[in-house]
């Protein structure tokens, strides 16, 4: 059983699957993947075939679950926190008006209280 995965850029490379002409601000279901810097295993480890979240992994899980508190036009579906990345399905229920060059949103209030 593998307890951790080491990132190897020679075999772990991805190309964007985004559709160039699709407006990603539209309502719909979106599959989200977020990876850690250099695929460093920051969120926990797989032990005995089971993902065991560490403190940072629990924070990622908590923030995912709290997204609807900050964005009323979304619903969350299934998700998985892995040692070096996160997968989730997010349903945007109405157009968000996001643009490619929009400035970043401010940080979550209360983040330090986790």
PDB file of N, CA and C in Angstrom:
ATOM      1  N   UNK A   1       0.849  -1.184   0.000  1.00  0.00           N
ATOM      2  CA  UNK A   1       0.000   0.000   0.000  1.00  0.00           C
ATOM      3  C   UNK A   1       0.894   1.247   0.000  1.00  0.00           C
ATOM      4  N   UNK A   2       0.591   2.189  -0.877  1.00  0.00           N
ATOM      5  CA  UNK A   2       1.346   3.439  -0.964  1.00  0.00           C
ATOM      6  C   UNK A   2       0.786   4.413   0.063  1.00  0.00           C
ATOM      7  N   UNK A   3       1.656   4.943   0.924  1.00  0.00           N
ATOM      8  CA  UNK A   3       1.199   5.887   1.948  1.00  0.00           C
ATOM      9  C   UNK A   3       1.315   7.329   1.499  1.00  0.00           C
ATOM     10  N   UNK A   4       2.150   7.612   0.502  1.00  0.00           N
ATOM     11  CA  UNK A   4       2.245   8.974   0.003  1.00  0.00           C
ATOM     12  C   UNK A   4       2.671   8.934  -1.452  1.00  0.00           C
ATOM     13  N   UNK A   5       2.387   9.991  -2.162  1.00  0.00           N
ATOM     14  CA  UNK A   5       2.717  10.097  -3.567  1.00  0.00           C
ATOM     15  C   UNK A   5       3.687  11.252  -3.735  1.00  0.00           C
ATOM     16  N   UNK A   6       4.783  10.998  -4.424  1.00  0.00           N
ATOM     17  CA  UNK A   6       5.766  12.040  -4.701  1.00  0.00           C
ATOM     18  C   UNK A   6       5.474  12.591  -6.085  1.00  0.00           C
ATOM     19  N   UNK A   7       5.382  13.904  -6.207  1.00  0.00           N
ATOM     20  CA  UNK A   7       5.104  14.548  -7.484  1.00  0.00           C
ATOM     21  C   UNK A   7       6.316  14.439  -8.392  1.00  0.00           C
ATOM     22  N   UNK A   8       6.101  13.908  -9.572  1.00  0.00           N
ATOM     23  CA  UNK A   8       7.138  13.804 -10.593  1.00  0.00           C
ATOM     24  C   UNK A   8       6.636  14.540 -11.828  1.00  0.00           C
ATOM     25  N   UNK A   9       7.191  15.736 -12.151  1.00  0.00           N
ATOM     26  CA  UNK A   9       6.668  16.523 -13.264  1.00  0.00           C
ATOM     27  C   UNK A   9       6.816  15.828 -14.619  1.00  0.00           C
ATOM     28  N   UNK A  10       7.689  14.823 -14.711  1.00  0.00           N
ATOM     29  CA  UNK A  10       7.852  14.111 -15.976  1.00  0.00           C
ATOM     30  C   UNK A  10       6.664  13.196 -16.285  1.00  0.00           C
ATOM     31  N   UNK A  11       5.970  12.742 -15.257  1.00  0.00           N
ATOM     32  CA  UNK A  11       4.819  11.865 -15.491  1.00  0.00           C
ATOM     33  C   UNK A  11       3.502  12.456 -15.006  1.00  0.00           C
ATOM     34  N   UNK A  12       3.549  13.448 -14.137  1.00  0.00           N
ATOM     35  CA  UNK A  12       2.336  14.088 -13.615  1.00  0.00           C
ATOM     36  C   UNK A  12       2.168  15.459 -14.262  1.00  0.00           C
ATOM     37  N   UNK A  13       1.757  15.481 -15.503  1.00  0.00           N
ATOM     38  CA  UNK A  13       1.531  16.753 -16.184  1.00  0.00           C
ATOM     39  C   UNK A  13       0.113  16.762 -16.739  1.00  0.00           C
ATOM     40  N   UNK A  14      -0.497  17.915 -16.696  1.00  0.00           N
ATOM     41  CA  UNK A  14      -1.878  18.059 -17.140  1.00  0.00           C
ATOM     42  C   UNK A  14      -1.982  19.212 -18.118  1.00  0.00           C
ATOM     43  N   UNK A  15      -2.917  19.102 -19.008  1.00  0.00           N
ATOM     44  CA  UNK A  15      -3.248  20.220 -19.882  1.00  0.00           C
ATOM     45  C   UNK A  15      -4.639  20.706 -19.483  1.00  0.00           C
ATOM     46  N   UNK A  16      -4.924  21.935 -19.767  1.00  0.00           N
ATOM     47  CA  UNK A  16      -6.227  22.495 -19.404  1.00  0.00           C
ATOM     48  C   UNK A  16      -7.335  21.831 -20.218  1.00  0.00           C
ATOM     49  N   UNK A  17      -8.404  21.483 -19.541  1.00  0.00           N
ATOM     50  CA  UNK A  17      -9.577  20.925 -20.204  1.00  0.00           C
ATOM     51  C   UNK A  17     -10.671  21.969 -20.392  1.00  0.00           C
ATOM     52  N   UNK A  18     -10.353  23.219 -20.056  1.00  0.00           N
ATOM     53  CA  UNK A  18     -11.342  24.285 -20.176  1.00  0.00           C
ATOM     54  C   UNK A  18     -11.693  24.532 -21.638  1.00  0.00           C
ATOM     55  N   UNK A  19     -12.973  24.750 -21.900  1.00  0.00           N
ATOM     56  CA  UNK A  19     -13.429  25.085 -23.240  1.00  0.00           C
ATOM     57  C   UNK A  19     -13.168  26.561 -23.495  1.00  0.00           C
ATOM     58  N   UNK A  20     -12.467  26.866 -24.550  1.00  0.00           N
ATOM     59  CA  UNK A  20     -12.063  28.257 -24.808  1.00  0.00           C
ATOM     60  C   UNK A  20     -13.260  29.192 -25.003  1.00  0.00           C
ATOM     61  N   UNK A  21     -14.356  28.696 -25.551  1.00  0.00           N
ATOM     62  CA  UNK A  21     -15.492  29.572 -25.839  1.00  0.00           C
ATOM     63  C   UNK A  21     -16.602  29.491 -24.787  1.00  0.00           C
ATOM     64  N   UNK A  22     -16.405  28.708 -23.719  1.00  0.00           N
ATOM     65  CA  UNK A  22     -17.461  28.543 -22.712  1.00  0.00           C
ATOM     66  C   UNK A  22     -17.378  29.642 -21.658  1.00  0.00           C
ATOM     67  N   UNK A  23     -18.533  30.175 -21.264  1.00  0.00           N
ATOM     68  CA  UNK A  23     -18.607  31.206 -20.225  1.00  0.00           C
ATOM     69  C   UNK A  23     -18.759  30.512 -18.874  1.00  0.00           C
ATOM     70  N   UNK A  24     -17.675  30.414 -18.132  1.00  0.00           N
ATOM     71  CA  UNK A  24     -17.662  29.699 -16.854  1.00  0.00           C
ATOM     72  C   UNK A  24     -18.346  30.480 -15.725  1.00  0.00           C
ATOM     73  N   UNK A  25     -18.937  31.635 -16.030  1.00  0.00           N
ATOM     74  CA  UNK A  25     -19.717  32.340 -15.017  1.00  0.00           C
ATOM     75  C   UNK A  25     -21.180  31.913 -15.058  1.00  0.00           C
ATOM     76  N   UNK A  26     -21.551  31.046 -15.993  1.00  0.00           N
ATOM     77  CA  UNK A  26     -22.935  30.576 -16.130  1.00  0.00           C
ATOM     78  C   UNK A  26     -23.295  29.568 -15.050  1.00  0.00           C
ATOM     79  N   UNK A  27     -24.588  29.498 -14.777  1.00  0.00           N
ATOM     80  CA  UNK A  27     -25.094  28.488 -13.848  1.00  0.00           C
ATOM     81  C   UNK A  27     -24.789  27.101 -14.394  1.00  0.00           C
ATOM     82  N   UNK A  28     -24.533  26.161 -13.476  1.00  0.00           N
ATOM     83  CA  UNK A  28     -24.252  24.788 -13.878  1.00  0.00           C
ATOM     84  C   UNK A  28     -23.434  24.081 -12.818  1.00  0.00           C
ATOM     85  N   UNK A  29     -23.107  22.836 -13.095  1.00  0.00           N
ATOM     86  CA  UNK A  29     -22.282  22.032 -12.185  1.00  0.00           C
ATOM     87  C   UNK A  29     -20.843  22.087 -12.672  1.00  0.00           C
ATOM     88  N   UNK A  30     -19.924  22.308 -11.746  1.00  0.00           N
ATOM     89  CA  UNK A  30     -18.505  22.432 -12.077  1.00  0.00           C
ATOM     90  C   UNK A  30     -17.692  21.484 -11.204  1.00  0.00           C
ATOM     91  N   UNK A  31     -16.803  20.754 -11.836  1.00  0.00           N
ATOM     92  CA  UNK A  31     -15.874  19.883 -11.129  1.00  0.00           C
ATOM     93  C   UNK A  31     -14.612  20.695 -10.863  1.00  0.00           C
ATOM     94  N   UNK A  32     -14.242  20.823  -9.605  1.00  0.00           N
ATOM     95  CA  UNK A  32     -13.119  21.660  -9.192  1.00  0.00           C
ATOM     96  C   UNK A  32     -12.007  20.769  -8.653  1.00  0.00           C
ATOM     97  N   UNK A  33     -10.792  21.021  -9.100  1.00  0.00           N
ATOM     98  CA  UNK A  33      -9.615  20.374  -8.537  1.00  0.00           C
ATOM     99  C   UNK A  33      -8.631  21.462  -8.153  1.00  0.00           C
ATOM    100  N   UNK A  34      -8.139  21.410  -6.938  1.00  0.00           N
ATOM    101  CA  UNK A  34      -7.138  22.362  -6.464  1.00  0.00           C
ATOM    102  C   UNK A  34      -5.963  21.554  -5.937  1.00  0.00           C
ATOM    103  N   UNK A  35      -4.772  21.862  -6.454  1.00  0.00           N
ATOM    104  CA  UNK A  35      -3.558  21.137  -6.058  1.00  0.00           C
ATOM    105  C   UNK A  35      -2.656  22.020  -5.196  1.00  0.00           C
ATOM    106  N   UNK A  36      -1.913  21.388  -4.321  1.00  0.00           N
ATOM    107  CA  UNK A  36      -0.949  22.121  -3.499  1.00  0.00           C
ATOM    108  C   UNK A  36       0.264  22.495  -4.344  1.00  0.00           C
ATOM    109  N   UNK A  37       0.996  23.475  -3.876  1.00  0.00           N
ATOM    110  CA  UNK A  37       2.217  23.906  -4.543  1.00  0.00           C
ATOM    111  C   UNK A  37       3.185  22.726  -4.619  1.00  0.00           C
ATOM    112  N   UNK A  38       3.660  22.442  -5.803  1.00  0.00           N
ATOM    113  CA  UNK A  38       4.606  21.362  -6.076  1.00  0.00           C
ATOM    114  C   UNK A  38       4.099  20.004  -5.575  1.00  0.00           C
ATOM    115  N   UNK A  39       2.787  19.892  -5.503  1.00  0.00           N
ATOM    116  CA  UNK A  39       2.120  18.646  -5.104  1.00  0.00           C
ATOM    117  C   UNK A  39       2.573  18.129  -3.733  1.00  0.00           C
ATOM    118  N   UNK A  40       2.953  19.052  -2.877  1.00  0.00           N
ATOM    119  CA  UNK A  40       3.387  18.674  -1.531  1.00  0.00           C
ATOM    120  C   UNK A  40       2.192  18.121  -0.750  1.00  0.00           C
ATOM    121  N   UNK A  41       2.381  17.016  -0.066  1.00  0.00           N
ATOM    122  CA  UNK A  41       1.306  16.368   0.703  1.00  0.00           C
ATOM    123  C   UNK A  41       1.083  17.137   2.005  1.00  0.00           C
ATOM    124  N   UNK A  42       0.184  18.115   1.956  1.00  0.00           N
ATOM    125  CA  UNK A  42      -0.063  19.009   3.095  1.00  0.00           C
ATOM    126  C   UNK A  42      -1.339  18.676   3.861  1.00  0.00           C
ATOM    127  N   UNK A  43      -2.237  17.881   3.282  1.00  0.00           N
ATOM    128  CA  UNK A  43      -3.567  17.714   3.852  1.00  0.00           C
ATOM    129  C   UNK A  43      -3.753  16.426   4.629  1.00  0.00           C
ATOM    130  N   UNK A  44      -2.751  15.588   4.705  1.00  0.00           N
ATOM    131  CA  UNK A  44      -2.870  14.321   5.418  1.00  0.00           C
ATOM    132  C   UNK A  44      -2.181  13.221   4.636  1.00  0.00           C
ATOM    133  N   UNK A  45      -2.556  11.993   4.923  1.00  0.00           N
ATOM    134  CA  UNK A  45      -1.921  10.842   4.278  1.00  0.00           C
ATOM    135  C   UNK A  45      -2.924   9.702   4.157  1.00  0.00           C
ATOM    136  N   UNK A  46      -2.649   8.820   3.229  1.00  0.00           N
ATOM    137  CA  UNK A  46      -3.459   7.616   3.082  1.00  0.00           C
ATOM    138  C   UNK A  46      -2.793   6.520   3.908  1.00  0.00           C
ATOM    139  N   UNK A  47      -3.535   6.016   4.870  1.00  0.00           N
ATOM    140  CA  UNK A  47      -3.061   4.948   5.763  1.00  0.00           C
ATOM    141  C   UNK A  47      -4.072   3.815   5.731  1.00  0.00           C
ATOM    142  N   UNK A  48      -3.593   2.612   5.524  1.00  0.00           N
ATOM    143  CA  UNK A  48      -4.468   1.437   5.462  1.00  0.00           C
ATOM    144  C   UNK A  48      -5.622   1.641   4.480  1.00  0.00           C
ATOM    145  N   UNK A  49      -5.316   2.283   3.351  1.00  0.00           N
ATOM    146  CA  UNK A  49      -6.325   2.490   2.315  1.00  0.00           C
ATOM    147  C   UNK A  49      -7.344   3.564   2.593  1.00  0.00           C
ATOM    148  N   UNK A  50      -7.133   4.352   3.631  1.00  0.00           N
ATOM    149  CA  UNK A  50      -8.092   5.386   4.027  1.00  0.00           C
ATOM    150  C   UNK A  50      -7.393   6.727   4.144  1.00  0.00           C
ATOM    151  N   UNK A  51      -8.052   7.787   3.654  1.00  0.00           N
ATOM    152  CA  UNK A  51      -7.494   9.133   3.770  1.00  0.00           C
ATOM    153  C   UNK A  51      -7.661   9.623   5.195  1.00  0.00           C
ATOM    154  N   UNK A  52      -6.551  10.001   5.806  1.00  0.00           N
ATOM    155  CA  UNK A  52      -6.559  10.552   7.173  1.00  0.00           C
ATOM    156  C   UNK A  52      -6.144  12.018   7.086  1.00  0.00           C
ATOM    157  N   UNK A  53      -7.096  12.889   7.355  1.00  0.00           N
ATOM    158  CA  UNK A  53      -6.841  14.326   7.282  1.00  0.00           C
ATOM    159  C   UNK A  53      -6.026  14.786   8.486  1.00  0.00           C
ATOM    160  N   UNK A  54      -5.061  15.666   8.213  1.00  0.00           N
ATOM    161  CA  UNK A  54      -4.359  16.331   9.304  1.00  0.00           C
ATOM    162  C   UNK A  54      -5.059  17.675   9.553  1.00  0.00           C
ATOM    163  N   UNK A  55      -4.470  18.525  10.361  1.00  0.00           N
ATOM    164  CA  UNK A  55      -5.110  19.804  10.689  1.00  0.00           C
ATOM    165  C   UNK A  55      -5.376  20.640   9.442  1.00  0.00           C
ATOM    166  N   UNK A  56      -4.411  20.694   8.528  1.00  0.00           N
ATOM    167  CA  UNK A  56      -4.594  21.478   7.303  1.00  0.00           C
ATOM    168  C   UNK A  56      -5.705  20.868   6.438  1.00  0.00           C
ATOM    169  N   UNK A  57      -5.770  19.550   6.363  1.00  0.00           N
ATOM    170  CA  UNK A  57      -6.832  18.890   5.613  1.00  0.00           C
ATOM    171  C   UNK A  57      -8.202  19.171   6.196  1.00  0.00           C
ATOM    172  N   UNK A  58      -8.286  19.214   7.523  1.00  0.00           N
ATOM    173  CA  UNK A  58      -9.550  19.544   8.181  1.00  0.00           C
ATOM    174  C   UNK A  58      -9.970  20.984   7.886  1.00  0.00           C
ATOM    175  N   UNK A  59      -9.004  21.875   7.749  1.00  0.00           N
ATOM    176  CA  UNK A  59      -9.302  23.268   7.396  1.00  0.00           C
ATOM    177  C   UNK A  59      -9.859  23.332   5.984  1.00  0.00           C
ATOM    178  N   UNK A  60      -9.232  22.610   5.049  1.00  0.00           N
ATOM    179  CA  UNK A  60      -9.724  22.577   3.669  1.00  0.00           C
ATOM    180  C   UNK A  60     -11.169  22.068   3.647  1.00  0.00           C
ATOM    181  N   UNK A  61     -11.423  20.984   4.354  1.00  0.00           N
ATOM    182  CA  UNK A  61     -12.773  20.422   4.413  1.00  0.00           C
ATOM    183  C   UNK A  61     -13.761  21.429   5.010  1.00  0.00           C
ATOM    184  N   UNK A  62     -13.371  22.088   6.081  1.00  0.00           N
ATOM    185  CA  UNK A  62     -14.241  23.064   6.730  1.00  0.00           C
ATOM    186  C   UNK A  62     -14.548  24.236   5.803  1.00  0.00           C
ATOM    187  N   UNK A  63     -13.553  24.741   5.109  1.00  0.00           N
ATOM    188  CA  UNK A  63     -13.771  25.870   4.202  1.00  0.00           C
ATOM    189  C   UNK A  63     -14.687  25.476   3.049  1.00  0.00           C
ATOM    190  N   UNK A  64     -14.514  24.282   2.512  1.00  0.00           N
ATOM    191  CA  UNK A  64     -15.410  23.808   1.449  1.00  0.00           C
ATOM    192  C   UNK A  64     -16.855  23.790   1.959  1.00  0.00           C
ATOM    193  N   UNK A  65     -17.061  23.222   3.132  1.00  0.00           N
ATOM    194  CA  UNK A  65     -18.410  23.093   3.683  1.00  0.00           C
ATOM    195  C   UNK A  65     -19.039  24.442   4.014  1.00  0.00           C
ATOM    196  N   UNK A  66     -18.200  25.456   4.264  1.00  0.00           N
ATOM    197  CA  UNK A  66     -18.700  26.785   4.619  1.00  0.00           C
ATOM    198  C   UNK A  66     -18.904  27.701   3.414  1.00  0.00           C
ATOM    199  N   UNK A  67     -18.545  27.272   2.213  1.00  0.00           N
ATOM    200  CA  UNK A  67     -18.695  28.131   1.035  1.00  0.00           C
ATOM    201  C   UNK A  67     -20.111  28.698   0.868  1.00  0.00           C
ATOM    202  N   UNK A  68     -21.171  27.902   1.056  1.00  0.00           N
ATOM    203  CA  UNK A  68     -22.522  28.470   0.895  1.00  0.00           C
ATOM    204  C   UNK A  68     -22.856  29.586   1.885  1.00  0.00           C
ATOM    205  N   UNK A  69     -22.138  29.670   2.993  1.00  0.00           N
ATOM    206  CA  UNK A  69     -22.346  30.779   3.929  1.00  0.00           C
ATOM    207  C   UNK A  69     -21.868  32.095   3.330  1.00  0.00           C
ATOM    208  N   UNK A  70     -20.946  32.025   2.391  1.00  0.00           N
ATOM    209  CA  UNK A  70     -20.351  33.224   1.799  1.00  0.00           C
ATOM    210  C   UNK A  70     -20.868  33.510   0.394  1.00  0.00           C
ATOM    211  N   UNK A  71     -21.379  32.474  -0.277  1.00  0.00           N
ATOM    212  CA  UNK A  71     -21.860  32.613  -1.645  1.00  0.00           C
ATOM    213  C   UNK A  71     -23.226  31.940  -1.716  1.00  0.00           C
ATOM    214  N   UNK A  72     -24.287  32.747  -1.754  1.00  0.00           N
ATOM    215  CA  UNK A  72     -25.644  32.210  -1.671  1.00  0.00           C
ATOM    216  C   UNK A  72     -26.110  31.574  -2.978  1.00  0.00           C
ATOM    217  N   UNK A  73     -25.371  31.751  -4.052  1.00  0.00           N
ATOM    218  CA  UNK A  73     -25.792  31.219  -5.339  1.00  0.00           C
ATOM    219  C   UNK A  73     -25.094  29.896  -5.684  1.00  0.00           C
ATOM    220  N   UNK A  74     -24.655  29.153  -4.671  1.00  0.00           N
ATOM    221  CA  UNK A  74     -24.012  27.863  -4.926  1.00  0.00           C
ATOM    222  C   UNK A  74     -24.588  26.781  -4.020  1.00  0.00           C
ATOM    223  N   UNK A  75     -24.485  25.565  -4.491  1.00  0.00           N
ATOM    224  CA  UNK A  75     -24.775  24.370  -3.699  1.00  0.00           C
ATOM    225  C   UNK A  75     -23.582  23.445  -3.859  1.00  0.00           C
ATOM    226  N   UNK A  76     -23.259  22.727  -2.805  1.00  0.00           N
ATOM    227  CA  UNK A  76     -22.123  21.815  -2.841  1.00  0.00           C
ATOM    228  C   UNK A  76     -22.598  20.394  -3.059  1.00  0.00           C
ATOM    229  N   UNK A  77     -21.777  19.638  -3.720  1.00  0.00           N
ATOM    230  CA  UNK A  77     -22.044  18.220  -3.951  1.00  0.00           C
ATOM    231  C   UNK A  77     -20.898  17.452  -3.305  1.00  0.00           C
ATOM    232  N   UNK A  78     -20.602  16.311  -3.805  1.00  0.00           N
ATOM    233  CA  UNK A  78     -19.573  15.459  -3.226  1.00  0.00           C
ATOM    234  C   UNK A  78     -18.187  16.096  -3.341  1.00  0.00           C
ATOM    235  N   UNK A  79     -17.290  15.707  -2.444  1.00  0.00           N
ATOM    236  CA  UNK A  79     -15.924  16.235  -2.456  1.00  0.00           C
ATOM    237  C   UNK A  79     -14.985  15.198  -1.862  1.00  0.00           C
ATOM    238  N   UNK A  80     -13.698  15.404  -2.111  1.00  0.00           N
ATOM    239  CA  UNK A  80     -12.672  14.525  -1.542  1.00  0.00           C
ATOM    240  C   UNK A  80     -11.413  15.339  -1.295  1.00  0.00           C
ATOM    241  N   UNK A  81     -10.925  15.288  -0.066  1.00  0.00           N
ATOM    242  CA  UNK A  81      -9.649  15.899   0.274  1.00  0.00           C
ATOM    243  C   UNK A  81      -8.604  14.787   0.202  1.00  0.00           C
ATOM    244  N   UNK A  82      -7.601  14.981  -0.617  1.00  0.00           N
ATOM    245  CA  UNK A  82      -6.532  14.004  -0.805  1.00  0.00           C
ATOM    246  C   UNK A  82      -5.240  14.582  -0.219  1.00  0.00           C
ATOM    247  N   UNK A  83      -4.173  13.796  -0.123  1.00  0.00           N
ATOM    248  CA  UNK A  83      -2.953  14.305   0.513  1.00  0.00           C
ATOM    249  C   UNK A  83      -2.418  15.601  -0.104  1.00  0.00           C
ATOM    250  N   UNK A  84      -2.504  15.731  -1.436  1.00  0.00           N
ATOM    251  CA  UNK A  84      -1.918  16.910  -2.071  1.00  0.00           C
ATOM    252  C   UNK A  84      -2.883  17.640  -3.005  1.00  0.00           C
ATOM    253  N   UNK A  85      -4.161  17.309  -2.940  1.00  0.00           N
ATOM    254  CA  UNK A  85      -5.130  18.012  -3.767  1.00  0.00           C
ATOM    255  C   UNK A  85      -6.543  17.816  -3.220  1.00  0.00           C
ATOM    256  N   UNK A  86      -7.448  18.561  -3.827  1.00  0.00           N
ATOM    257  CA  UNK A  86      -8.856  18.550  -3.424  1.00  0.00           C
ATOM    258  C   UNK A  86      -9.710  18.427  -4.673  1.00  0.00           C
ATOM    259  N   UNK A  87     -10.767  17.632  -4.620  1.00  0.00           N
ATOM    260  CA  UNK A  87     -11.763  17.541  -5.686  1.00  0.00           C
ATOM    261  C   UNK A  87     -13.119  17.887  -5.091  1.00  0.00           C
ATOM    262  N   UNK A  88     -13.922  18.608  -5.842  1.00  0.00           N
ATOM    263  CA  UNK A  88     -15.274  18.883  -5.400  1.00  0.00           C
ATOM    264  C   UNK A  88     -16.166  19.219  -6.576  1.00  0.00           C
ATOM    265  N   UNK A  89     -17.457  18.992  -6.408  1.00  0.00           N
ATOM    266  CA  UNK A  89     -18.437  19.403  -7.408  1.00  0.00           C
ATOM    267  C   UNK A  89     -19.251  20.534  -6.812  1.00  0.00           C
ATOM    268  N   UNK A  90     -19.296  21.626  -7.545  1.00  0.00           N
ATOM    269  CA  UNK A  90     -19.933  22.863  -7.117  1.00  0.00           C
ATOM    270  C   UNK A  90     -21.044  23.188  -8.106  1.00  0.00           C
ATOM    271  N   UNK A  91     -22.253  23.441  -7.600  1.00  0.00           N
ATOM    272  CA  UNK A  91     -23.370  23.829  -8.464  1.00  0.00           C
ATOM    273  C   UNK A  91     -23.593  25.328  -8.307  1.00  0.00           C
ATOM    274  N   UNK A  92     -23.400  26.058  -9.385  1.00  0.00           N
ATOM    275  CA  UNK A  92     -23.712  27.485  -9.395  1.00  0.00           C
ATOM    276  C   UNK A  92     -25.158  27.596  -9.851  1.00  0.00           C
ATOM    277  N   UNK A  93     -26.000  28.193  -9.017  1.00  0.00           N
ATOM    278  CA  UNK A  93     -27.443  28.191  -9.273  1.00  0.00           C
ATOM    279  C   UNK A  93     -27.916  29.378 -10.104  1.00  0.00           C
ATOM    280  N   UNK A  94     -27.095  30.397 -10.213  1.00  0.00           N
ATOM    281  CA  UNK A  94     -27.419  31.545 -11.068  1.00  0.00           C
ATOM    282  C   UNK A  94     -26.114  32.155 -11.541  1.00  0.00           C
ATOM    283  N   UNK A  95     -26.163  32.823 -12.657  1.00  0.00           N
ATOM    284  CA  UNK A  95     -24.953  33.413 -13.231  1.00  0.00           C
ATOM    285  C   UNK A  95     -24.260  34.299 -12.202  1.00  0.00           C
ATOM    286  N   UNK A  96     -22.951  34.180 -12.125  1.00  0.00           N
ATOM    287  CA  UNK A  96     -22.206  34.926 -11.112  1.00  0.00           C
ATOM    288  C   UNK A  96     -21.589  36.198 -11.653  1.00  0.00           C
ATOM    289  N   UNK A  97     -21.580  36.377 -12.965  1.00  0.00           N
ATOM    290  CA  UNK A  97     -21.035  37.583 -13.545  1.00  0.00           C
ATOM    291  C   UNK A  97     -19.529  37.681 -13.446  1.00  0.00           C
ATOM    292  N   UNK A  98     -18.854  36.583 -13.157  1.00  0.00           N
ATOM    293  CA  UNK A  98     -17.393  36.603 -13.061  1.00  0.00           C
ATOM    294  C   UNK A  98     -16.791  36.810 -14.434  1.00  0.00           C
ATOM    295  N   UNK A  99     -15.691  37.475 -14.473  1.00  0.00           N
ATOM    296  CA  UNK A  99     -14.958  37.710 -15.714  1.00  0.00           C
ATOM    297  C   UNK A  99     -13.549  37.177 -15.557  1.00  0.00           C
ATOM    298  N   UNK A 100     -12.917  36.852 -16.666  1.00  0.00           N
ATOM    299  CA  UNK A 100     -11.570  36.278 -16.643  1.00  0.00           C
ATOM    300  C   UNK A 100     -10.590  37.150 -15.866  1.00  0.00           C
ATOM    301  N   UNK A 101     -10.668  38.465 -15.999  1.00  0.00           N
ATOM    302  CA  UNK A 101      -9.699  39.352 -15.365  1.00  0.00           C
ATOM    303  C   UNK A 101     -10.234  40.047 -14.121  1.00  0.00           C
ATOM    304  N   UNK A 102     -11.262  39.471 -13.474  1.00  0.00           N
ATOM    305  CA  UNK A 102     -11.816  40.069 -12.262  1.00  0.00           C
ATOM    306  C   UNK A 102     -10.784  40.030 -11.139  1.00  0.00           C
ATOM    307  N   UNK A 103     -10.735  41.074 -10.295  1.00  0.00           N
ATOM    308  CA  UNK A 103      -9.817  41.024  -9.153  1.00  0.00           C
ATOM    309  C   UNK A 103     -10.246  39.933  -8.172  1.00  0.00           C
ATOM    310  N   UNK A 104      -9.301  39.432  -7.427  1.00  0.00           N
ATOM    311  CA  UNK A 104      -9.588  38.366  -6.454  1.00  0.00           C
ATOM    312  C   UNK A 104     -10.545  38.868  -5.380  1.00  0.00           C
ATOM    313  N   UNK A 105     -11.388  37.968  -4.912  1.00  0.00           N
ATOM    314  CA  UNK A 105     -12.283  38.318  -3.813  1.00  0.00           C
ATOM    315  C   UNK A 105     -11.480  38.457  -2.532  1.00  0.00           C
ATOM    316  N   UNK A 106     -11.936  39.296  -1.601  1.00  0.00           N
ATOM    317  CA  UNK A 106     -11.229  39.384  -0.317  1.00  0.00           C
ATOM    318  C   UNK A 106     -11.302  38.057   0.426  1.00  0.00           C
ATOM    319  N   UNK A 107     -10.397  37.842   1.364  1.00  0.00           N
ATOM    320  CA  UNK A 107     -10.354  36.607   2.131  1.00  0.00           C
ATOM    321  C   UNK A 107     -11.621  36.381   2.938  1.00  0.00           C
ATOM    322  N   UNK A 108     -11.800  35.172   3.390  1.00  0.00           N
ATOM    323  CA  UNK A 108     -12.978  34.826   4.190  1.00  0.00           C
ATOM    324  C   UNK A 108     -12.869  35.477   5.561  1.00  0.00           C
ATOM    325  N   UNK A 109     -13.915  36.193   5.987  1.00  0.00           N
ATOM    326  CA  UNK A 109     -13.895  36.706   7.351  1.00  0.00           C
ATOM    327  C   UNK A 109     -13.979  35.532   8.328  1.00  0.00           C
ATOM    328  N   UNK A 110     -13.287  35.615   9.409  1.00  0.00           N
ATOM    329  CA  UNK A 110     -13.350  34.586  10.421  1.00  0.00           C
ATOM    330  C   UNK A 110     -12.463  33.380  10.143  1.00  0.00           C
ATOM    331  N   UNK A 111     -11.632  33.449   9.113  1.00  0.00           N
ATOM    332  CA  UNK A 111     -10.768  32.325   8.751  1.00  0.00           C
ATOM    333  C   UNK A 111      -9.844  31.953   9.923  1.00  0.00           C
ATOM    334  N   UNK A 112      -9.386  32.947  10.646  1.00  0.00           N
ATOM    335  CA  UNK A 112      -8.462  32.669  11.752  1.00  0.00           C
ATOM    336  C   UNK A 112      -9.161  31.984  12.923  1.00  0.00           C
ATOM    337  N   UNK A 113     -10.498  31.940  12.891  1.00  0.00           N
ATOM    338  CA  UNK A 113     -11.222  31.334  14.015  1.00  0.00           C
ATOM    339  C   UNK A 113     -11.464  29.843  13.826  1.00  0.00           C
ATOM    340  N   UNK A 114     -10.891  29.238  12.792  1.00  0.00           N
ATOM    341  CA  UNK A 114     -11.098  27.795  12.565  1.00  0.00           C
ATOM    342  C   UNK A 114     -10.410  26.972  13.609  1.00  0.00           C
TER     343      UNK A 114
END
